[in-house]
Protein backbone atom coordinates (compact mmCIF):
# COMPACT_ATOMS: atom_id res chain seq x y z
CA MET A 1 119.53 13.58 106.30
CA PRO A 2 121.67 10.85 107.97
CA SER A 3 121.58 7.27 106.73
CA ALA A 4 119.34 4.84 108.61
CA ILE A 5 121.12 2.36 110.89
CA LEU A 6 119.81 -1.19 110.47
CA PRO A 7 120.02 -4.20 112.85
CA SER A 8 123.69 -5.02 113.33
CA SER A 9 125.98 -7.35 115.29
CA PRO A 10 129.37 -7.25 117.06
CA LEU A 11 130.95 -8.26 113.72
CA PHE A 12 129.41 -5.54 111.57
CA THR A 13 127.21 -2.46 111.38
CA ILE A 14 124.72 -2.03 108.54
CA GLN A 15 123.52 1.37 107.40
CA GLN A 16 121.46 2.38 104.43
CA LEU A 17 123.21 4.35 101.72
CA SER A 18 122.72 8.10 101.89
CA PRO A 19 119.38 9.50 100.66
CA GLU A 20 121.32 11.17 97.83
CA LEU A 21 122.39 7.74 96.58
CA ARG A 22 119.21 5.79 97.38
CA LYS A 23 116.88 8.45 95.94
CA ASP A 24 113.54 6.73 95.25
CA THR A 25 115.06 3.32 94.44
CA LEU A 26 114.44 1.17 97.56
CA ILE A 27 118.07 0.05 97.01
CA GLY A 28 121.32 0.11 98.90
CA ALA A 29 122.97 -0.50 102.29
CA GLU A 30 126.61 -0.66 103.35
CA VAL A 31 128.01 -3.32 105.67
CA LEU A 32 130.78 -1.89 107.88
CA LEU A 33 132.95 -4.65 109.35
CA ASN A 34 134.14 -4.12 112.90
CA ASN A 35 137.24 -6.35 112.79
CA SER A 36 140.64 -4.66 112.67
CA ASP A 37 141.51 -5.45 109.06
CA GLY A 38 137.98 -5.01 107.72
CA SER A 39 137.97 -8.27 105.76
CA ILE A 40 135.13 -10.76 105.37
CA ASP A 41 135.48 -14.22 106.84
CA PRO A 42 132.19 -16.11 106.45
CA SER A 43 133.45 -18.87 108.74
CA THR A 44 133.14 -16.45 111.68
CA PHE A 45 129.47 -15.70 111.07
CA THR A 46 127.04 -16.90 113.72
CA PRO A 47 123.43 -17.86 112.91
CA ASP A 48 122.38 -14.42 114.15
CA ASN A 49 124.91 -12.75 111.82
CA ILE A 50 123.56 -14.75 108.90
CA SER A 51 119.96 -13.90 109.76
CA ILE A 52 120.74 -10.17 109.93
CA LEU A 53 122.63 -10.16 106.63
CA ARG A 54 119.93 -12.18 104.92
CA GLN A 55 117.17 -9.80 105.97
CA ALA A 56 119.27 -6.72 105.17
CA LEU A 57 119.60 -7.86 101.57
CA TYR A 58 115.91 -8.67 101.24
CA GLU A 59 115.05 -5.19 102.51
CA ASN A 60 117.68 -3.23 100.56
CA SER A 61 118.39 -5.43 97.50
CA VAL A 62 122.06 -4.42 97.28
CA LEU A 63 124.70 -4.70 100.03
CA VAL A 64 128.09 -2.98 99.69
CA PHE A 65 131.26 -4.10 101.46
CA ARG A 66 134.24 -1.77 100.98
CA LYS A 67 138.00 -2.46 101.08
CA GLN A 68 137.90 -6.20 100.38
CA GLN A 69 141.24 -6.36 98.53
CA GLY A 70 142.74 -9.80 98.97
CA ILE A 71 139.49 -11.61 99.74
CA ASP A 72 139.68 -15.35 99.15
CA PRO A 73 137.71 -16.06 95.95
CA LEU A 74 136.29 -19.20 97.55
CA ALA A 75 134.73 -16.97 100.23
CA LEU A 76 132.35 -15.62 97.58
CA GLU A 77 130.74 -19.05 97.23
CA GLN A 78 130.42 -19.29 101.01
CA LEU A 79 128.76 -15.89 101.13
CA ALA A 80 126.31 -16.84 98.38
CA ALA A 81 125.13 -19.77 100.50
CA ILE A 82 123.85 -17.36 103.16
CA TRP A 83 120.86 -16.61 100.96
CA ASP A 84 120.38 -20.04 99.43
CA GLU A 85 120.12 -23.16 101.55
CA ASP A 86 119.46 -25.10 98.35
CA MET A 87 122.56 -23.81 96.54
CA ILE A 88 124.34 -26.21 94.18
CA ASN A 89 128.10 -25.88 94.00
CA VAL A 90 128.36 -24.72 90.41
CA HIS A 91 128.05 -21.33 88.70
CA SER A 92 124.52 -20.91 87.33
CA ALA A 93 125.95 -20.44 83.81
CA GLY A 94 127.58 -23.88 84.08
CA LYS A 95 130.85 -25.37 85.18
CA ASP A 96 132.71 -23.80 82.25
CA GLN A 97 132.83 -20.28 80.87
CA VAL A 98 130.36 -19.60 78.03
CA ARG A 99 132.44 -19.48 74.85
CA ASP A 100 129.99 -20.54 72.15
CA PRO A 101 130.04 -17.59 69.68
CA ARG A 102 126.35 -18.20 69.03
CA SER A 103 125.56 -16.90 72.55
CA ILE A 104 125.57 -13.19 73.37
CA LEU A 105 126.98 -14.19 76.78
CA SER A 106 130.30 -15.06 75.12
CA ARG A 107 130.89 -11.52 73.86
CA ASN A 108 132.61 -10.37 77.05
CA ASN A 109 135.48 -12.86 76.58
CA GLY A 110 135.22 -13.77 80.27
CA ALA A 111 137.23 -16.45 82.03
CA ARG A 112 137.17 -18.53 85.23
CA LEU A 113 139.75 -18.48 88.01
CA PRO A 114 141.64 -21.80 87.92
CA ALA A 115 141.78 -21.90 91.73
CA ALA A 116 138.07 -21.06 92.04
CA PRO A 117 136.21 -22.25 88.91
CA ASN A 118 132.91 -20.74 90.06
CA VAL A 119 134.42 -17.26 89.98
CA GLN A 120 133.96 -15.62 86.59
CA VAL A 121 136.44 -12.93 85.55
CA ILE A 122 134.86 -10.09 83.57
CA GLY A 123 135.98 -6.60 82.63
CA ASN A 124 137.85 -4.84 79.87
CA GLY A 125 141.30 -4.79 78.35
CA GLU A 126 144.28 -7.11 78.16
CA PHE A 127 145.72 -8.94 81.15
CA HIS A 128 148.76 -11.22 81.29
CA ASN A 129 149.53 -13.90 83.87
CA TYR A 130 146.63 -13.12 86.16
CA GLU A 131 145.80 -15.70 88.87
CA GLY A 132 146.98 -18.60 86.70
CA LEU A 133 145.42 -17.25 83.50
CA GLU A 134 148.12 -16.69 80.91
CA TYR A 135 146.24 -14.14 78.80
CA MET A 136 142.83 -12.47 78.79
CA ASN A 137 141.40 -9.89 76.43
CA LEU A 138 138.25 -8.92 78.30
CA ARG A 139 135.48 -6.93 76.60
CA HIS A 140 133.12 -4.45 78.20
CA VAL A 141 130.26 -4.66 75.70
CA ASP A 142 128.24 -1.55 74.87
CA SER A 143 125.44 -0.22 72.67
CA ALA A 144 127.52 -0.31 69.47
CA GLU A 145 126.95 -4.03 68.93
CA PHE A 146 123.55 -4.61 70.54
CA HIS A 147 121.33 -1.54 70.23
CA ALA A 148 119.31 -0.86 67.09
CA GLU A 149 120.37 2.79 67.27
CA PRO A 150 123.82 2.95 68.91
CA LEU A 151 125.24 6.14 70.30
CA THR A 152 126.50 8.45 67.57
CA GLU A 153 130.01 9.85 67.41
CA ASP A 154 128.68 13.21 68.63
CA GLU A 155 126.89 11.56 71.55
CA LEU A 156 130.02 9.63 72.50
CA ALA A 157 132.05 12.84 72.32
CA ASP A 158 129.46 14.40 74.62
CA GLY A 159 130.27 11.74 77.24
CA GLN A 160 127.09 9.74 76.85
CA THR A 161 126.67 6.06 77.62
CA ARG A 162 123.71 3.65 77.80
CA PHE A 163 122.15 0.91 79.88
CA TYR A 164 123.34 -2.04 77.80
CA ARG A 165 120.75 -4.68 78.75
CA TRP A 166 118.52 -4.82 81.82
CA HIS A 167 118.43 -8.37 83.13
CA GLN A 168 118.80 -10.81 85.96
CA ASP A 169 121.62 -13.34 85.97
CA ALA A 170 119.58 -16.25 84.67
CA PRO A 171 120.62 -19.06 82.28
CA LEU A 172 116.99 -19.48 81.11
CA TYR A 173 117.82 -23.04 80.11
CA GLU A 174 118.20 -26.11 82.33
CA ASN A 175 119.96 -24.46 85.32
CA LEU A 176 118.10 -22.37 87.87
CA PRO A 177 119.44 -18.86 88.46
CA GLY A 178 121.35 -17.96 91.60
CA LYS A 179 119.40 -16.20 94.32
CA VAL A 180 122.20 -13.68 94.73
CA THR A 181 125.06 -12.38 92.62
CA LEU A 182 128.37 -11.16 94.04
CA ILE A 183 130.71 -8.79 92.19
CA HIS A 184 134.17 -7.90 93.49
CA ALA A 185 136.06 -4.96 91.96
CA VAL A 186 139.76 -5.68 91.42
CA VAL A 187 140.70 -3.05 88.80
CA VAL A 188 138.46 0.02 88.35
CA PRO A 189 138.84 2.42 85.38
CA LYS A 190 139.86 5.96 86.22
CA LEU A 191 137.95 7.90 83.59
CA PRO A 192 135.78 11.03 83.62
CA ASN A 193 132.16 10.53 84.63
CA GLN A 194 129.70 9.86 81.84
CA LYS A 195 125.96 10.44 81.50
CA ILE A 196 122.79 8.74 80.36
CA LYS A 197 119.98 10.60 78.64
CA PHE A 198 116.47 9.30 79.26
CA GLN A 199 113.49 9.30 76.91
CA ASP A 200 111.81 12.12 78.85
CA GLY A 201 114.86 14.36 78.47
CA GLN A 202 116.30 13.86 81.95
CA GLU A 203 120.01 13.15 82.41
CA MET A 204 121.90 11.11 84.96
CA LYS A 205 125.62 11.41 85.62
CA LEU A 206 127.46 8.27 86.63
CA GLN A 207 130.90 6.71 86.83
CA ALA A 208 132.32 5.22 83.63
CA GLY A 209 131.62 1.52 84.09
CA SER A 210 129.05 1.92 86.84
CA THR A 211 126.67 -1.01 87.40
CA ALA A 212 123.05 0.17 87.41
CA PHE A 213 120.27 -1.42 89.47
CA ILE A 214 116.49 -1.16 89.48
CA SER A 215 114.28 -2.63 92.19
CA GLY A 216 111.64 -5.05 90.94
CA ALA A 217 109.57 -3.94 93.94
CA LYS A 218 109.68 -0.31 92.81
CA ALA A 219 108.76 -1.42 89.28
CA PHE A 220 105.74 -3.27 90.65
CA GLN A 221 104.69 -0.27 92.75
CA LEU A 222 104.60 1.95 89.65
CA LEU A 223 102.16 -0.31 87.80
CA THR A 224 98.48 0.54 87.69
CA PRO A 225 96.21 -1.68 89.82
CA GLU A 226 95.13 -3.44 86.63
CA GLU A 227 98.74 -4.04 85.59
CA GLN A 228 99.63 -5.32 89.06
CA GLU A 229 96.79 -7.83 88.88
CA PHE A 230 97.95 -8.89 85.43
CA ALA A 231 101.52 -9.37 86.70
CA LEU A 232 100.32 -11.46 89.65
CA ASN A 233 98.33 -13.74 87.34
CA THR A 234 100.68 -13.96 84.36
CA THR A 235 103.67 -16.16 83.62
CA VAL A 236 106.49 -15.43 81.22
CA GLN A 237 107.75 -18.13 78.90
CA TYR A 238 111.30 -17.48 77.73
CA ALA A 239 112.69 -18.54 74.38
CA PRO A 240 114.58 -21.79 73.84
CA ARG A 241 118.31 -21.11 74.17
CA ALA A 242 117.36 -17.45 74.62
CA TYR A 243 120.87 -15.98 74.44
CA GLU A 244 121.55 -17.77 71.17
CA TRP A 245 118.04 -16.96 69.91
CA ILE A 246 118.63 -13.18 70.15
CA ARG A 247 122.23 -13.14 68.97
CA ASN A 248 121.36 -11.18 65.80
CA ALA A 249 118.53 -9.14 67.34
CA LYS A 250 118.89 -5.49 68.29
CA ALA A 251 117.75 -3.85 71.50
CA THR A 252 115.89 -0.70 72.38
CA SER A 253 118.01 2.29 73.35
CA ASP A 254 117.07 1.89 77.02
CA GLY A 255 118.21 -1.77 77.09
CA LEU A 256 114.79 -3.11 78.08
CA GLY A 257 113.74 -5.15 75.06
CA ILE A 258 114.14 -6.07 71.41
CA VAL A 259 113.09 -3.52 68.80
CA LYS A 260 111.39 -5.74 66.24
CA VAL A 261 110.53 -9.30 65.33
CA GLY A 262 112.41 -11.10 62.57
CA ALA A 263 116.07 -11.30 63.54
CA GLU A 264 115.68 -14.21 65.98
CA ALA A 265 117.60 -17.38 65.19
CA LYS A 266 115.55 -20.24 63.80
CA GLU A 267 114.88 -23.04 66.24
CA GLU A 268 116.73 -25.52 64.05
CA ASP A 269 119.84 -23.30 64.12
CA LEU A 270 120.08 -23.23 67.92
CA PRO A 271 122.29 -25.57 69.95
CA PRO A 272 120.46 -28.79 70.89
CA TRP A 273 117.52 -28.15 73.20
CA THR A 274 114.26 -29.59 74.45
CA TRP A 275 111.20 -27.75 75.72
CA ASP A 276 111.29 -29.43 79.12
CA LYS A 277 114.56 -27.61 79.89
CA VAL A 278 113.60 -24.19 78.56
CA GLN A 279 113.48 -21.44 81.22
CA ALA A 280 113.98 -23.67 84.19
CA PHE A 281 111.79 -21.79 86.66
CA PRO A 282 109.10 -24.45 87.35
CA VAL A 283 106.72 -22.13 89.10
CA ARG A 284 103.67 -22.91 87.02
CA LEU A 285 102.92 -25.43 84.27
CA HIS A 286 100.80 -24.84 81.18
CA LEU A 287 99.99 -27.57 78.69
CA CYS A 288 100.05 -26.24 75.14
CA LEU A 289 99.34 -27.91 71.83
CA ARG A 290 102.96 -28.60 70.98
CA TYR A 291 104.78 -28.83 74.26
CA LEU A 292 104.75 -28.40 78.00
CA LEU A 293 105.68 -24.87 78.96
CA ILE A 294 107.59 -24.30 82.17
CA ALA A 295 107.16 -20.65 82.99
CA SER A 296 107.96 -18.03 85.59
CA GLN A 297 105.43 -15.65 87.08
CA MET A 298 106.06 -11.98 86.33
CA ALA A 299 105.79 -11.08 90.02
CA TRP A 300 108.22 -12.85 92.35
CA LYS A 301 108.04 -13.24 96.12
CA ASN A 302 110.60 -11.55 98.36
CA PRO A 303 111.16 -14.07 101.20
CA GLY A 304 112.08 -11.26 103.60
CA LYS A 305 109.15 -9.02 102.60
CA PRO A 306 106.45 -11.35 101.27
CA SER A 307 103.90 -8.55 100.95
CA GLN A 308 106.17 -6.72 98.49
CA PRO A 309 106.04 -8.36 95.01
CA HIS A 310 108.93 -7.82 92.61
CA LEU A 311 108.32 -7.42 88.88
CA GLN A 312 111.03 -9.62 87.36
CA ILE A 313 111.15 -9.86 83.55
CA LEU A 314 114.11 -10.37 81.20
CA GLY A 315 112.56 -8.33 78.44
CA CYS A 316 115.05 -9.18 75.69
CA CYS A 317 114.41 -12.91 76.05
CA VAL A 318 110.62 -13.18 76.39
CA HIS A 319 108.80 -15.59 74.08
CA SER A 320 105.13 -15.67 75.14
CA LEU A 321 102.78 -15.02 78.05
CA ARG A 322 100.10 -17.04 79.85
CA THR A 323 97.58 -15.19 82.02
CA THR A 324 95.09 -16.85 84.35
CA ASP A 325 91.56 -15.71 85.16
CA THR A 326 91.44 -16.09 88.94
CA LYS A 327 87.65 -16.51 88.94
CA THR A 328 87.38 -19.28 86.36
CA GLY A 329 90.92 -20.65 86.24
CA ALA A 330 90.91 -20.25 82.46
CA VAL A 331 94.32 -19.65 80.92
CA THR A 332 94.76 -17.28 77.98
CA GLY A 333 97.87 -17.47 75.86
CA ILE A 334 99.60 -14.51 74.23
CA ASP A 335 101.79 -16.14 71.61
CA ASP A 336 102.31 -13.20 69.30
CA LEU A 337 105.94 -12.20 69.90
CA ALA A 338 105.52 -8.52 69.07
CA GLU A 339 102.55 -8.23 71.44
CA THR A 340 104.39 -10.12 74.18
CA ARG A 341 107.32 -7.76 73.91
CA ARG A 342 105.05 -4.70 73.84
CA ILE A 343 103.25 -5.72 77.03
CA CYS A 344 106.46 -6.42 78.91
CA TYR A 345 108.11 -3.22 77.68
CA GLU A 346 105.18 -1.01 78.70
CA MET A 347 105.21 -2.51 82.19
CA GLN A 348 108.98 -2.19 82.63
CA ARG A 349 109.66 1.22 81.12
CA LYS A 350 107.83 3.17 83.85
CA VAL A 351 110.63 2.63 86.32
CA VAL A 352 113.53 3.56 84.02
CA LYS A 353 114.00 7.09 85.34
CA PRO A 354 116.94 8.67 87.16
CA GLN A 355 115.20 8.73 90.54
CA HIS A 356 114.58 4.97 90.38
CA VAL A 357 118.06 3.87 89.27
CA TYR A 358 120.90 3.18 91.71
CA ALA A 359 124.23 3.35 89.87
CA HIS A 360 127.02 1.86 91.95
CA HIS A 361 130.21 3.92 91.90
CA TRP A 362 132.93 1.28 92.07
CA GLU A 363 136.05 1.56 94.18
CA GLU A 364 138.81 -1.03 94.03
CA GLY A 365 138.14 -3.64 96.71
CA ASP A 366 134.37 -3.24 96.66
CA LEU A 367 132.26 -6.34 97.08
CA VAL A 368 128.64 -5.88 96.05
CA ILE A 369 126.01 -8.54 96.76
CA PHE A 370 122.63 -8.13 95.12
CA HIS A 371 119.33 -9.97 95.32
CA ASN A 372 119.14 -11.54 91.88
CA TYR A 373 115.48 -12.46 92.45
CA GLY A 374 114.64 -8.88 93.40
CA VAL A 375 116.49 -6.44 91.12
CA TRP A 376 117.35 -5.88 87.49
CA HIS A 377 120.84 -4.71 86.60
CA SER A 378 122.77 -3.44 83.61
CA ILE A 379 126.32 -2.55 82.76
CA THR A 380 127.05 0.98 81.55
CA GLY A 381 130.11 2.83 80.31
CA GLN A 382 132.26 3.50 77.29
CA LEU A 383 135.69 2.26 78.38
CA GLY A 384 137.74 2.10 75.19
CA THR A 385 140.89 0.10 75.97
CA THR A 386 141.02 1.09 79.66
CA GLN A 387 141.49 -1.88 81.98
CA ARG A 388 138.68 -3.10 84.22
CA LEU A 389 138.66 -6.39 86.12
CA MET A 390 135.88 -7.85 88.28
CA TRP A 391 135.07 -11.18 89.86
CA GLN A 392 131.49 -12.38 89.51
CA VAL A 393 129.80 -15.28 91.27
CA THR A 394 126.18 -16.42 91.01
CA MET A 395 125.62 -19.99 92.11
CA ARG A 396 123.01 -22.33 90.69
CA SER A 397 120.03 -22.74 93.00
CA GLY A 398 118.26 -25.99 93.65
CA LYS A 399 114.93 -24.27 94.20
CA GLU A 400 112.93 -22.18 91.76
CA PRO A 401 111.76 -18.59 92.46
CA GLU A 402 108.48 -18.37 94.34
CA PRO A 403 105.56 -16.51 92.80
CA ALA A 404 104.28 -13.50 94.72
CA ARG A 405 100.82 -15.05 94.61
CA ILE A 406 99.87 -18.70 94.41
CA ASN A 407 96.92 -19.04 92.05
CA PRO A 408 94.84 -22.20 91.66
């Protein structure tokens, strides 16, 4: 079956990825540039071009541009602005690379390009004198240091890998997440394909180092009507300094959540924080006994497809839930951490199946743009010491995510 051709322009043609790649994911379209050298120059985009690209991402969640070797790193920021008129000119993780060893986000040993400080450099292996950076020892983290039951030596020998941690790119403290994330592949490992084994016994082959995506819309579709109603009426409160809070916790083997309660850092051992800055998605406010919670609804609105809610939960970082009775307006709190995690896990796990996962097979020069408010993603791959180098940009937004339903 041929790929569907989407609305295009004289500058580019957009077509959905092949049915073999899209499967039942709702994800993936390729943007084919019509200029002679095939490179992206956002300054040439007309308002119509921008409108077409914006809608294409909202409808397909992931856009792929091939052969972008030599792209100006500053162009990534310009591209991000297409989907965010309220974008603030700073990476959502902050103006500097996260290096605090108390945060799990520091484990990749990433860096920032000196000429483009909002471009994060991530990957694997040692690099010398790269783009003004004298030395980098990048780390492609895997299940060995984060999962409660890492892959065994026999499983590694069998070519297995894991979804490391399903998430959105979200600071969860003070800064709002970027509406889109852009990843540019500079150096891609040339290793044999690997595979993931699922809980139901199915297997999925994928490139070593593939980035996996799940549509929040597909996740919402797979919920029961009762679960959908719960998601539309429930907000998620994330933990204070969530990435420091879970630094000693261990994840489930599918990368969705944390296995058990008890390993979380104590509040007094976290970097300085205040409740008014925790999980800066001010979608809905709930006054509790100790503090004011600022929380994000489970189901987020897709601005290009408002009738299609997206289930968006960072399962490893959840702290509590608040659900509203739409008839009475009464709010019920779920403060038990184990129960909060159980609820979120049961809602998310339904979609973690091969037919619902798009695993991007990287080629050097690829630029992938994904809707950070509409998909979950995870790294995969056992890379050893093999080099991998990517640029990543996700710019802080000045406007919070919109709930799929506005409740009184």
